[in-house]
Amino acid sequence: MTAAEEAALTLAMEITGAGEGGRLVLEQLCLARSAWWRSRLLPGVTEDGCGAAFPCAVALTAAADLGRCGVAGFTVGELSVQCGGDGAGQLRAAGELMAPYAAVGDFDFRRVRG
């Protein structure tokens, strides 16, 4: 993982309240969303050029993905999984953060940009 992806993972874990039991899932979501955001960067814009916006956007979209899967959080001791949330607010916030750096629309479902 890059430094930005590590930062995104830490943020995503804070946002979702996931403990170590949710780390693997969030790590994979952060890696996937990092690649997704990287693919949407405007010509000439790099991940580093986005500053803190990049890891924040990755974390917000990964957290939203976790929420859309119906999982809002984890607890490891005495296993607890909290359900709910569609992540719409997190997706909007991520889009707003990345608007100066990336092609953002409503969001690209099924690979069609909005």
Protein backbone atom coordinates (compact mmCIF):
# COMPACT_ATOMS: atom_id res chain seq x y z
CA MET A 1 0.00 0.00 0.00
CA THR A 2 1.12 3.55 -0.69
CA ALA A 3 1.32 6.13 2.08
CA ALA A 4 -1.93 7.69 0.82
CA GLU A 5 -3.64 4.27 0.87
CA GLU A 6 -2.40 3.63 4.43
CA ALA A 7 -3.76 7.03 5.46
CA ALA A 8 -7.05 6.24 3.73
CA LEU A 9 -7.30 2.91 5.54
CA THR A 10 -6.72 4.60 8.91
CA LEU A 11 -9.38 7.20 8.10
CA ALA A 12 -11.84 4.58 6.83
CA MET A 13 -11.44 2.59 10.03
CA GLU A 14 -12.19 5.73 12.06
CA ILE A 15 -15.18 6.68 9.91
CA THR A 16 -16.75 3.23 10.12
CA GLY A 17 -15.69 2.37 13.65
CA ALA A 18 -14.32 -0.91 12.34
CA GLY A 19 -11.92 -2.72 14.60
CA GLU A 20 -9.15 -5.05 13.53
CA GLY A 21 -11.82 -7.55 12.44
CA GLY A 22 -12.90 -5.16 9.68
CA ARG A 23 -9.41 -4.15 8.63
CA LEU A 24 -9.01 -6.69 5.82
CA VAL A 25 -12.31 -5.75 4.19
CA LEU A 26 -11.59 -2.03 4.45
CA GLU A 27 -8.04 -2.52 3.18
CA GLN A 28 -9.35 -4.18 0.01
CA LEU A 29 -12.02 -1.50 -0.43
CA CYS A 30 -9.40 1.24 0.02
CA LEU A 31 -7.11 -0.36 -2.56
CA ALA A 32 -9.97 -0.66 -5.03
CA ARG A 33 -11.19 2.89 -4.44
CA SER A 34 -7.66 4.27 -4.64
CA ALA A 35 -7.31 2.77 -8.12
CA TRP A 36 -10.79 4.06 -9.02
CA TRP A 37 -9.96 7.64 -7.95
CA ARG A 38 -6.56 7.45 -9.64
CA SER A 39 -8.27 6.49 -12.91
CA ARG A 40 -10.50 9.57 -12.65
CA LEU A 41 -7.74 12.14 -12.07
CA LEU A 42 -7.65 14.96 -14.57
CA PRO A 43 -4.77 14.99 -17.06
CA GLY A 44 -1.59 16.20 -15.38
CA VAL A 45 -2.95 15.71 -11.85
CA THR A 46 -1.23 13.17 -9.61
CA GLU A 47 -2.34 11.49 -6.42
CA ASP A 48 0.23 13.55 -4.50
CA GLY A 49 -1.00 16.73 -6.17
CA CYS A 50 -4.38 16.26 -4.52
CA GLY A 51 -2.89 16.57 -1.04
CA ALA A 52 -5.13 15.36 1.78
CA ALA A 53 -8.16 15.26 -0.52
CA PHE A 54 -7.05 11.98 -2.11
CA PRO A 55 -6.83 9.78 1.02
CA CYS A 56 -9.96 11.42 2.43
CA ALA A 57 -11.91 10.68 -0.75
CA VAL A 58 -10.62 7.10 -0.82
CA ALA A 59 -11.62 6.61 2.82
CA LEU A 60 -15.08 8.12 2.34
CA THR A 61 -15.87 6.04 -0.73
CA ALA A 62 -14.53 2.85 0.88
CA ALA A 63 -16.64 3.55 3.97
CA ALA A 64 -19.66 4.20 1.75
CA ASP A 65 -19.02 0.92 -0.07
CA LEU A 66 -18.96 -0.89 3.24
CA GLY A 67 -22.23 0.82 4.21
CA ARG A 68 -23.85 -0.09 0.88
CA CYS A 69 -22.98 -3.70 1.62
CA GLY A 70 -25.26 -3.27 4.62
CA VAL A 71 -22.45 -3.15 7.18
CA ALA A 72 -22.02 0.01 9.22
CA GLY A 73 -19.37 -1.24 11.67
CA PHE A 74 -17.67 -4.12 13.43
CA THR A 75 -16.75 -5.16 16.95
CA VAL A 76 -14.32 -8.02 17.42
CA GLY A 77 -14.80 -9.19 21.03
CA GLU A 78 -18.14 -11.01 21.23
CA LEU A 79 -18.53 -10.34 17.47
CA SER A 80 -20.97 -7.55 16.65
CA VAL A 81 -21.83 -6.24 13.19
CA GLN A 82 -23.86 -3.06 12.89
CA CYS A 83 -26.02 -2.72 9.80
CA GLY A 84 -27.43 0.24 7.94
CA GLY A 85 -26.60 3.30 5.93
CA ASP A 86 -26.40 3.75 2.19
CA GLY A 87 -23.28 5.94 2.20
CA ALA A 88 -24.83 8.68 0.06
CA GLY A 89 -23.46 11.50 2.23
CA GLN A 90 -19.99 10.02 2.19
CA LEU A 91 -20.08 9.64 -1.58
CA ARG A 92 -21.14 13.27 -2.01
CA ALA A 93 -18.38 14.46 0.33
CA ALA A 94 -15.76 12.44 -1.55
CA GLY A 95 -16.91 13.91 -4.85
CA GLU A 96 -16.73 17.42 -3.46
CA LEU A 97 -13.20 16.85 -2.14
CA MET A 98 -11.96 15.55 -5.48
CA ALA A 99 -13.85 17.95 -7.78
CA PRO A 100 -10.77 20.13 -8.42
CA TYR A 101 -8.63 17.10 -9.25
CA ALA A 102 -10.79 14.45 -10.87
CA ALA A 103 -13.63 13.83 -13.26
CA VAL A 104 -16.55 13.63 -10.87
CA GLY A 105 -20.19 13.41 -11.67
CA ASP A 106 -22.96 11.74 -9.81
CA PHE A 107 -20.83 8.55 -9.74
CA ASP A 108 -20.06 5.85 -12.22
CA PHE A 109 -22.30 2.89 -11.72
CA ARG A 110 -21.65 0.04 -14.14
CA ARG A 111 -18.68 1.96 -15.55
CA VAL A 112 -20.85 4.77 -16.97
CA ARG A 113 -19.76 8.15 -15.69
CA GLY A 114 -22.53 10.38 -14.37
